[in-house]
Protein backbone atom coordinates (compact mmCIF):
# COMPACT_ATOMS: atom_id res chain seq x y z
CA UNK A 1 -31.92 40.04 2.50
CA UNK A 2 -29.67 41.24 -0.26
CA UNK A 3 -27.61 44.38 0.01
CA UNK A 4 -27.58 44.62 -3.82
CA UNK A 5 -31.20 44.02 -4.81
CA UNK A 6 -34.59 45.64 -4.46
CA UNK A 7 -35.16 47.98 -1.52
CA UNK A 8 -36.89 46.40 1.49
CA UNK A 9 -38.79 48.85 3.69
CA UNK A 10 -38.96 47.79 7.34
CA UNK A 11 -40.66 49.02 10.50
CA UNK A 12 -39.95 48.61 14.22
CA UNK A 13 -42.49 49.07 17.03
CA UNK A 14 -42.23 49.16 20.80
CA UNK A 15 -43.68 46.20 22.63
CA UNK A 16 -42.49 43.42 24.89
CA UNK A 17 -39.23 43.38 26.82
CA UNK A 18 -36.31 41.71 25.07
CA UNK A 19 -35.26 38.43 26.66
CA UNK A 20 -33.15 35.44 25.74
CA UNK A 21 -29.77 34.64 24.22
CA UNK A 22 -28.49 36.63 21.23
CA UNK A 23 -26.05 34.53 19.19
CA UNK A 24 -24.55 37.28 17.05
CA UNK A 25 -22.51 36.36 13.95
CA UNK A 26 -18.75 36.07 13.63
CA UNK A 27 -16.59 39.16 13.54
CA UNK A 28 -16.61 40.74 10.08
CA UNK A 29 -13.12 42.21 10.31
CA UNK A 30 -11.59 38.89 11.36
CA UNK A 31 -13.61 36.95 8.77
CA UNK A 32 -12.20 39.10 5.93
CA UNK A 33 -8.67 38.66 7.22
CA UNK A 34 -8.98 34.90 7.76
CA UNK A 35 -9.93 34.40 4.10
CA UNK A 36 -7.23 36.75 2.82
CA UNK A 37 -4.38 35.38 4.93
CA UNK A 38 -5.54 31.84 4.22
CA UNK A 39 -5.24 32.64 0.51
CA UNK A 40 -1.71 34.00 1.05
CA UNK A 41 -0.59 30.92 3.00
CA UNK A 42 0.79 27.54 2.06
CA UNK A 43 -1.54 24.64 2.87
CA UNK A 44 -5.18 24.50 3.95
CA UNK A 45 -6.58 27.02 6.42
CA UNK A 46 -9.76 26.01 8.22
CA UNK A 47 -12.07 28.73 9.50
CA UNK A 48 -14.94 28.24 11.95
CA UNK A 49 -17.53 30.84 12.89
CA UNK A 50 -17.02 32.80 9.66
CA UNK A 51 -19.54 35.58 9.12
CA UNK A 52 -21.54 34.61 6.04
CA UNK A 53 -22.73 38.12 5.27
CA UNK A 54 -22.51 39.47 1.74
CA UNK A 55 -19.36 41.52 2.43
CA UNK A 56 -17.41 38.45 3.47
CA UNK A 57 -18.86 36.29 0.69
CA UNK A 58 -17.61 38.91 -1.79
CA UNK A 59 -14.12 38.59 -0.30
CA UNK A 60 -14.30 34.79 -0.60
CA UNK A 61 -15.25 35.18 -4.26
CA UNK A 62 -12.32 37.57 -4.78
CA UNK A 63 -9.84 35.12 -3.24
CA UNK A 64 -11.04 32.47 -5.70
CA UNK A 65 -10.51 34.93 -8.55
CA UNK A 66 -6.88 35.35 -7.46
CA UNK A 67 -6.33 31.59 -7.53
CA UNK A 68 -7.06 30.31 -4.01
CA UNK A 69 -9.39 27.37 -3.46
CA UNK A 70 -12.13 28.57 -1.10
CA UNK A 71 -14.83 26.06 -0.09
CA UNK A 72 -17.80 26.29 2.26
CA UNK A 73 -18.02 23.05 4.26
CA UNK A 74 -20.98 23.90 6.49
CA UNK A 75 -22.56 26.79 8.42
CA UNK A 76 -19.67 29.11 9.25
CA UNK A 77 -17.12 26.43 8.37
CA UNK A 78 -14.81 27.18 5.44
CA UNK A 79 -11.52 25.95 4.06
CA UNK A 80 -8.98 27.98 2.10
CA UNK A 81 -6.16 26.33 0.19
CA UNK A 82 -3.73 29.16 -0.36
CA UNK A 83 -1.28 30.09 -3.10
CA UNK A 84 1.41 31.55 -0.84
CA UNK A 85 2.80 35.09 -0.55
CA UNK A 86 3.38 36.43 -4.08
CA UNK A 87 1.37 33.59 -5.62
CA UNK A 88 -1.75 35.47 -6.68
CA UNK A 89 -2.86 34.84 -10.27
CA UNK A 90 -4.27 37.64 -12.39
CA UNK A 91 -8.08 37.56 -12.20
CA UNK A 92 -9.98 36.98 -15.42
CA UNK A 93 -12.81 39.38 -14.56
CA UNK A 94 -13.62 42.50 -12.55
CA UNK A 95 -13.49 42.04 -8.76
CA UNK A 96 -16.85 43.16 -7.32
CA UNK A 97 -16.50 43.92 -3.61
CA UNK A 98 -20.15 44.85 -3.17
CA UNK A 99 -20.58 47.16 -0.19
CA UNK A 100 -17.32 46.36 1.58
CA UNK A 101 -14.74 49.09 2.09
CA UNK A 102 -12.71 46.71 4.24
CA UNK A 103 -12.74 44.01 1.58
CA UNK A 104 -11.69 46.18 -1.35
CA UNK A 105 -8.94 48.04 0.52
CA UNK A 106 -7.38 44.92 2.04
CA UNK A 107 -7.53 43.04 -1.25
CA UNK A 108 -5.88 45.95 -3.05
CA UNK A 109 -3.12 45.80 -0.46
CA UNK A 110 -2.41 42.10 -0.77
CA UNK A 111 -2.17 42.22 -4.61
CA UNK A 112 -0.31 45.54 -4.92
CA UNK A 113 3.15 43.98 -4.72
CA UNK A 114 2.54 41.20 -7.24
CA UNK A 115 3.09 41.78 -11.01
CA UNK A 116 -0.59 41.42 -11.87
CA UNK A 117 -3.44 43.78 -12.78
CA UNK A 118 -6.97 43.77 -11.36
CA UNK A 119 -10.00 46.01 -11.72
CA UNK A 120 -12.22 46.64 -8.71
CA UNK A 121 -15.79 47.87 -8.41
CA UNK A 122 -18.66 47.76 -5.92
CA UNK A 123 -22.21 48.85 -5.30
CA UNK A 124 -23.41 52.46 -5.55
CA UNK A 125 -22.34 53.19 -1.97
CA UNK A 126 -18.83 51.75 -2.34
CA UNK A 127 -18.28 53.56 -5.62
CA UNK A 128 -18.68 56.88 -3.74
CA UNK A 129 -16.01 56.07 -1.14
CA UNK A 130 -12.46 57.41 -1.45
CA UNK A 131 -9.72 54.90 -2.28
CA UNK A 132 -6.87 57.42 -2.44
CA UNK A 133 -6.05 56.90 1.23
CA UNK A 134 -5.04 53.33 0.26
CA UNK A 135 -3.70 53.79 -3.26
CA UNK A 136 -1.33 56.59 -2.13
CA UNK A 137 0.75 54.36 0.17
CA UNK A 138 0.48 51.44 -2.27
CA UNK A 139 2.08 53.67 -4.91
CA UNK A 140 5.15 53.90 -2.66
CA UNK A 141 5.65 50.15 -3.20
CA UNK A 142 5.48 50.73 -6.97
CA UNK A 143 1.80 49.98 -7.66
CA UNK A 144 -0.23 52.15 -10.05
CA UNK A 145 -3.90 52.97 -9.61
CA UNK A 146 -6.22 54.25 -12.35
CA UNK A 147 -9.72 55.13 -11.21
CA UNK A 148 -12.48 57.69 -11.45
CA UNK A 149 -12.04 61.31 -10.43
CA UNK A 150 -11.45 61.63 -6.71
CA UNK A 151 -9.82 58.19 -6.53
CA UNK A 152 -13.11 56.31 -6.68
CA UNK A 153 -14.18 52.94 -8.06
CA UNK A 154 -14.22 51.40 -10.61
CA UNK A 155 -10.44 51.33 -10.36
CA UNK A 156 -7.69 49.31 -11.99
CA UNK A 157 -4.64 48.53 -9.87
CA UNK A 158 -1.40 47.50 -11.55
CA UNK A 159 0.78 45.63 -9.07
CA UNK A 160 4.46 46.42 -8.66
CA UNK A 161 6.78 44.15 -10.67
CA UNK A 162 9.75 45.07 -8.44
CA UNK A 163 8.25 46.21 -5.14
CA UNK A 164 10.30 48.11 -2.57
CA UNK A 165 9.73 48.16 1.20
CA UNK A 166 7.97 51.21 2.63
CA UNK A 167 8.02 53.29 5.79
CA UNK A 168 4.62 54.94 6.12
CA UNK A 169 2.88 57.09 8.74
CA UNK A 170 -0.90 56.85 8.47
CA UNK A 171 -2.41 60.36 8.08
CA UNK A 172 -5.71 59.34 9.72
CA UNK A 173 -6.57 56.57 12.20
CA UNK A 174 -7.58 53.74 9.85
CA UNK A 175 -7.16 50.01 10.36
CA UNK A 176 -7.98 49.54 6.68
CA UNK A 177 -5.07 51.71 5.52
CA UNK A 178 -2.66 50.19 8.03
CA UNK A 179 -3.72 46.67 7.04
CA UNK A 180 -3.45 47.38 3.30
CA UNK A 181 0.14 48.58 3.77
CA UNK A 182 1.09 45.58 5.92
CA UNK A 183 -0.46 43.14 3.43
CA UNK A 184 1.42 44.83 0.59
CA UNK A 185 4.60 44.59 2.64
CA UNK A 186 4.31 40.81 2.77
CA UNK A 187 5.61 40.50 -0.81
CA UNK A 188 8.14 43.33 -0.63
CA UNK A 189 11.77 42.56 0.25
CA UNK A 190 13.25 43.84 3.48
CA UNK A 191 11.27 45.56 6.22
CA UNK A 192 8.03 47.49 5.83
CA UNK A 193 7.23 49.90 8.66
CA UNK A 194 3.86 51.45 9.55
CA UNK A 195 3.50 54.19 12.17
CA UNK A 196 0.04 55.10 13.43
CA UNK A 197 -0.35 58.11 15.70
CA UNK A 198 -3.50 56.63 17.24
CA UNK A 199 -3.85 52.86 17.69
CA UNK A 200 -6.58 51.23 15.59
CA UNK A 201 -8.01 47.71 15.64
CA UNK A 202 -5.13 45.24 15.60
CA UNK A 203 -6.69 42.13 14.06
CA UNK A 204 -4.28 42.18 11.12
CA UNK A 205 -1.21 42.25 13.36
CA UNK A 206 -2.54 39.46 15.59
CA UNK A 207 -3.44 37.27 12.64
CA UNK A 208 -0.21 37.90 10.73
CA UNK A 209 1.72 36.65 13.74
CA UNK A 210 -0.58 33.65 13.99
CA UNK A 211 0.16 32.74 10.36
CA UNK A 212 3.91 32.98 10.98
CA UNK A 213 4.89 36.47 9.83
CA UNK A 214 7.77 38.23 11.58
CA UNK A 215 6.14 41.31 13.05
CA UNK A 216 7.28 43.59 15.87
CA UNK A 217 5.31 46.36 17.58
CA UNK A 218 6.81 49.22 19.55
CA UNK A 219 5.16 52.17 21.27
CA UNK A 220 7.11 55.37 20.61
CA UNK A 221 6.47 59.06 21.38
CA UNK A 222 5.37 59.61 17.76
CA UNK A 223 2.95 56.68 17.85
CA UNK A 224 2.69 52.94 17.46
CA UNK A 225 5.40 51.50 15.19
CA UNK A 226 4.85 48.18 13.40
CA UNK A 227 7.74 46.40 11.64
CA UNK A 228 7.01 43.59 9.18
CA UNK A 229 9.68 41.40 7.59
CA UNK A 230 8.76 40.82 3.95
CA UNK A 231 8.53 37.64 1.87
CA UNK A 232 7.77 35.13 4.63
CA UNK A 233 6.20 31.72 4.04
CA UNK A 234 2.87 31.97 5.83
CA UNK A 235 1.64 28.69 7.29
CA UNK A 236 -2.00 27.59 7.06
CA UNK A 237 -3.88 27.82 10.36
CA UNK A 238 -7.15 26.93 12.05
CA UNK A 239 -8.99 30.17 12.81
CA UNK A 240 -11.92 30.37 15.24
CA UNK A 241 -13.69 33.67 14.55
CA UNK A 242 -15.05 35.35 17.71
CA UNK A 243 -18.43 37.06 17.65
CA UNK A 244 -18.54 40.55 16.21
CA UNK A 245 -18.74 43.42 18.75
CA UNK A 246 -20.11 45.70 16.02
CA UNK A 247 -23.02 43.30 15.44
CA UNK A 248 -23.45 42.67 19.19
CA UNK A 249 -23.91 46.43 19.56
CA UNK A 250 -27.46 46.26 18.18
CA UNK A 251 -29.07 43.73 20.56
CA UNK A 252 -26.98 45.16 23.42
CA UNK A 253 -28.21 48.71 22.80
CA UNK A 254 -31.77 47.55 22.18
CA UNK A 255 -31.84 45.78 25.55
CA UNK A 256 -30.54 48.89 27.30
CA UNK A 257 -33.35 51.12 25.99
CA UNK A 258 -36.35 48.71 25.97
CA UNK A 259 -37.86 48.55 29.49
CA UNK A 260 -37.51 45.33 31.54
CA UNK A 261 -35.15 43.75 28.99
CA UNK A 262 -32.56 41.17 30.07
CA UNK A 263 -30.44 39.36 27.47
CA UNK A 264 -27.21 37.37 27.19
CA UNK A 265 -24.84 37.89 24.25
CA UNK A 266 -22.21 35.13 24.41
CA UNK A 267 -18.65 35.02 23.11
CA UNK A 268 -18.25 38.67 22.06
CA UNK A 269 -14.77 39.93 21.19
CA UNK A 270 -13.27 42.14 23.88
CA UNK A 271 -10.26 43.18 21.86
CA UNK A 272 -9.18 46.47 23.48
CA UNK A 273 -8.99 48.13 20.05
CA UNK A 274 -12.68 47.31 19.48
CA UNK A 275 -14.48 47.66 22.83
CA UNK A 276 -14.90 51.44 23.03
CA UNK A 277 -18.69 51.21 22.76
CA UNK A 278 -19.04 48.95 25.80
CA UNK A 279 -16.74 51.22 27.84
CA UNK A 280 -18.87 54.21 26.81
CA UNK A 281 -22.16 52.50 27.63
CA UNK A 282 -20.95 51.59 31.11
CA UNK A 283 -19.95 55.24 31.65
CA UNK A 284 -23.52 56.19 30.68
CA UNK A 285 -24.85 53.93 33.43
CA UNK A 286 -25.50 50.75 31.43
CA UNK A 287 -26.07 47.54 33.38
CA UNK A 288 -23.64 45.30 31.49
CA UNK A 289 -21.66 42.49 33.11
CA UNK A 290 -18.75 40.78 31.35
CA UNK A 291 -18.96 37.13 32.27
CA UNK A 292 -16.57 34.19 31.73
CA UNK A 293 -13.70 36.14 30.12
CA UNK A 294 -11.49 33.89 28.00
CA UNK A 295 -9.49 33.72 24.77
CA UNK A 296 -10.78 32.28 21.47
CA UNK A 297 -8.88 32.35 18.19
CA UNK A 298 -6.19 34.59 19.66
CA UNK A 299 -8.78 37.21 20.71
CA UNK A 300 -10.14 38.00 24.20
CA UNK A 301 -13.89 37.32 24.47
CA UNK A 302 -16.60 37.45 27.15
CA UNK A 303 -20.32 36.77 27.57
CA UNK A 304 -22.31 40.01 27.96
CA UNK A 305 -25.30 40.11 30.32
CA UNK A 306 -27.30 43.24 29.47
CA UNK A 307 -30.31 44.70 31.29
CA UNK A 308 -32.50 47.76 30.70
CA UNK A 309 -30.92 50.86 32.22
CA UNK A 310 -31.72 54.49 32.90
CA UNK A 311 -28.88 56.15 31.03
CA UNK A 312 -27.28 59.59 31.21
CA UNK A 313 -25.54 61.62 28.53
CA UNK A 314 -21.76 61.96 28.62
CA UNK A 315 -18.84 63.40 26.64
CA UNK A 316 -17.19 60.58 24.69
CA UNK A 317 -13.40 61.13 24.57
CA UNK A 318 -12.29 61.76 20.96
CA UNK A 319 -9.35 59.42 21.52
CA UNK A 320 -11.82 56.55 21.81
CA UNK A 321 -13.16 57.03 18.29
CA UNK A 322 -10.88 54.50 16.59
CA UNK A 323 -12.04 51.73 18.94
CA UNK A 324 -15.74 52.27 18.21
CA UNK A 325 -15.98 54.06 14.88
CA UNK A 326 -18.61 51.68 13.49
CA UNK A 327 -20.74 51.88 16.64
CA UNK A 328 -21.42 55.63 16.72
CA UNK A 329 -24.74 55.34 14.82
CA UNK A 330 -26.27 53.01 17.41
CA UNK A 331 -24.63 55.00 20.22
CA UNK A 332 -26.51 58.04 18.87
CA UNK A 333 -29.72 56.03 19.28
CA UNK A 334 -28.84 55.19 22.88
CA UNK A 335 -27.99 58.86 23.46
CA UNK A 336 -31.46 59.85 22.25
CA UNK A 337 -32.92 57.63 25.00
CA UNK A 338 -30.60 58.93 27.72
CA UNK A 339 -31.09 61.91 30.03
CA UNK A 340 -29.09 64.94 28.97
CA UNK A 341 -26.58 65.68 26.27
CA UNK A 342 -24.16 63.19 24.71
CA UNK A 343 -21.20 64.74 22.87
CA UNK A 344 -19.27 62.69 20.30
CA UNK A 345 -16.15 64.47 18.99
CA UNK A 346 -13.37 63.29 16.71
CA UNK A 347 -15.79 61.41 14.46
CA UNK A 348 -15.09 62.94 11.02
CA UNK A 349 -14.25 59.44 9.74
CA UNK A 350 -18.01 58.72 9.88
CA UNK A 351 -18.50 61.04 6.92
CA UNK A 352 -16.65 58.67 4.55
CA UNK A 353 -18.16 55.35 5.60
CA UNK A 354 -20.89 53.53 3.62
CA UNK A 355 -22.76 56.82 3.93
CA UNK A 356 -22.12 60.15 5.64
CA UNK A 357 -23.16 58.63 8.95
CA UNK A 358 -23.11 61.89 10.88
CA UNK A 359 -25.58 63.46 8.46
CA UNK A 360 -27.69 60.29 8.16
CA UNK A 361 -28.10 59.92 11.93
CA UNK A 362 -28.67 63.64 12.48
CA UNK A 363 -31.43 63.87 9.87
CA UNK A 364 -33.10 60.65 11.01
CA UNK A 365 -33.02 61.57 14.70
CA UNK A 366 -34.44 65.02 13.94
CA UNK A 367 -37.27 63.38 12.00
CA UNK A 368 -37.97 61.27 15.10
CA UNK A 369 -38.20 64.36 17.32
CA UNK A 370 -34.67 64.42 18.79
CA UNK A 371 -32.60 67.62 18.84
CA UNK A 372 -29.15 67.21 17.28
CA UNK A 373 -26.13 69.44 16.65
CA UNK A 374 -23.31 68.62 14.27
CA UNK A 375 -20.21 69.94 12.60
CA UNK A 376 -17.59 68.30 10.41
CA UNK A 377 -16.08 66.34 13.32
CA UNK A 378 -18.81 66.31 15.99
CA UNK A 379 -22.26 64.89 16.71
CA UNK A 380 -24.21 66.06 19.76
CA UNK A 381 -27.49 64.38 20.74
CA UNK A 382 -29.88 65.93 23.26
CA UNK A 383 -31.43 62.92 24.97
CA UNK A 384 -35.10 62.70 25.88
CA UNK A 385 -34.81 59.98 28.50
CA UNK A 386 -36.24 56.47 28.59
CA UNK A 387 -39.42 56.30 26.50
CA UNK A 388 -39.15 59.95 25.50
CA UNK A 389 -38.40 59.69 21.75
CA UNK A 390 -41.55 60.49 19.72
CA UNK A 391 -40.62 58.43 16.63
CA UNK A 392 -43.18 58.14 13.88
CA UNK A 393 -40.79 58.90 11.02
CA UNK A 394 -39.39 57.15 7.95
CA UNK A 395 -35.59 57.29 8.05
CA UNK A 396 -33.33 57.12 5.00
CA UNK A 397 -30.61 54.46 5.26
CA UNK A 398 -28.46 55.57 2.29
CA UNK A 399 -27.60 51.92 1.44
CA UNK A 400 -25.94 51.64 4.87
CA UNK A 401 -26.50 48.56 7.02
CA UNK A 402 -25.60 50.25 10.31
CA UNK A 403 -27.95 53.18 9.72
CA UNK A 404 -30.78 50.75 8.97
CA UNK A 405 -30.22 48.64 12.10
CA UNK A 406 -29.73 51.70 14.32
CA UNK A 407 -33.09 53.24 13.47
CA UNK A 408 -34.84 49.89 13.79
CA UNK A 409 -33.38 49.61 17.29
CA UNK A 410 -34.69 53.10 18.09
CA UNK A 411 -38.15 52.07 16.88
CA UNK A 412 -38.26 49.40 19.61
CA UNK A 413 -38.14 52.14 22.28
CA UNK A 414 -39.94 55.11 20.68
CA UNK A 415 -43.55 56.18 21.27
CA UNK A 416 -44.53 55.66 17.63
CA UNK A 417 -43.12 53.12 15.14
CA UNK A 418 -40.04 54.00 13.11
CA UNK A 419 -39.70 52.91 9.51
CA UNK A 420 -36.55 52.65 7.39
CA UNK A 421 -36.73 53.03 3.64
CA UNK A 422 -34.39 50.10 2.90
CA UNK A 423 -33.27 47.30 5.20
CA UNK A 424 -31.67 45.21 2.45
CA UNK A 425 -28.09 46.37 3.19
CA UNK A 426 -28.30 44.65 6.59
CA UNK A 427 -27.37 41.42 4.81
CA UNK A 428 -23.86 42.74 4.17
CA UNK A 429 -22.88 42.31 7.83
CA UNK A 430 -25.73 40.74 9.83
CA UNK A 431 -27.93 38.46 7.69
CA UNK A 432 -29.59 36.92 10.77
CA UNK A 433 -30.55 40.30 12.29
CA UNK A 434 -34.30 39.96 11.76
CA UNK A 435 -34.50 36.41 13.08
CA UNK A 436 -32.22 37.10 16.04
CA UNK A 437 -34.15 40.19 17.13
CA UNK A 438 -37.48 38.40 16.67
CA UNK A 439 -36.17 35.60 18.88
CA UNK A 440 -35.59 38.16 21.63
CA UNK A 441 -39.16 39.45 21.28
CA UNK A 442 -38.55 42.49 19.07
CA UNK A 443 -41.35 43.69 16.78
CA UNK A 444 -39.46 44.31 13.52
CA UNK A 445 -41.20 43.54 10.25
CA UNK A 446 -40.88 44.08 6.55
CA UNK A 447 -43.39 46.50 5.05
CA UNK A 448 -45.55 44.80 2.46
CA UNK A 449 -45.89 46.66 -0.80
C-alpha cells in the first residue's frame, strides 16, 4: 500500500477467533532516530529490524540528501555511513517527508545548527500540521524558518551559521520537540538544556548516549532536566530495533475484543515512556501476560500473550497521555467494546496529529452506533460490551494510518462489517498489517472498484 497514491477502500468483518504469532514491525520512533544519528556519526552504523514503512523510508532518503550513505542490505537490515556532527551538506532538492511529523521535525532539528538551507514539504496531511512548536525553539539557536501562514509546510529552514546553546522548557509534552532541540544542540557549543514538565518517550536520550554523546538527566521539582554537551564526535553503532508498541497495539486490541482469540506478540518494546496503553488495558481487565522480559538494543522488551477478555470502562489518568498518545484511537475502539464508560482526558495533542484524531474517532464511532462525548481535551466513549457494537458504517480516515487500522480492528468485533474510505496510509507505519492480520485469521479485505 502507498500512503501517497490512490485511495484504497477496505472492509473488516467479524469471523473466526484470532490465533497465532504476530510479528509486528520494528519501532518507528527508534527507526527514525537510528538513521538520523547514524548520519550524524563517524563510521558505519548497522541497523537491524528497521521498520521499512514509508515514513522511515522518507527519512532514509532525506539522510542521503544531506550527504550520508544509506544502503539497504536486506529485509530490515541497513547501513548508514555518516558525515559526523556538523557535516551535513546542503541538499540539492526539496526534502519530502511524506506523512511523517516525527521525520520532518527531527530532521529540522539536526540541520538547524549547520550553515545550510533546506526546504521541507510533505503530503496533504503533513502540510496541515503545525511546525511552529519546533521552529520556535530552533530560532533560539539562530535558525530562521520561512513557511506558510500558521507555520506550515512547505517551509524553508536556514541553519544557524554561528549557533548558540539553548535552555528551553517545552510548552507541551512532545518527544518530537524535545528531540529536535537536543539534535540541534549537538552542533552548538557549550551545553544545551531541555526541561520537560511531563516526561515523554526517551528514545532520543537513550540513543544519544549509545552513540557517545555526553548527556545527563535530572528530575527536579519543575520537571525533567536534560543536559547535552555540544559538538561531540558520535561513534557509529550497531542498533537492533525492538518491535513497535504502537503497531503491536492493533493485533493486541483485536485479540482482546474478538471472542476466543489467543495470540502471541513477541519482542515488543516495554519502554516505560511508551507502555501506557498496556497498563491501561490491564486496568480494564485485559488478559495480557508479559513473558520473557529482556533488553534488546538498549530497550526493555517482552513477549505479549493476549487473550479475549470481557473489559470494563475506566478513567485513564491524564498524566499517562504522553506514554500512549498514538494509541488513543485504538483504545477508543476497545472502549466501545467494553462495559461502561471510558474517559480519556488530557488528549488535546490528538487534535494536531496526522488528523484531528479526537474528531475522527468520535464521528466514526457514532456512525457505528457508539455514543461519544468530546471537548477540546477529552474523549469519552460509552461502551456497549463484547459484541455490542452495531457497525455497518463507512468511516473516514483523513489520510491517517492509525484511524484506518483502528476502525478495521473494530470491524472484526462488530455485528456488521465496517469499511474505511482509504487504507493506503497504513503503509506509512505498518506495511505488513494486512498480511499479519490475515495470518491471525482476520477477515480484512480491499474493496474492489
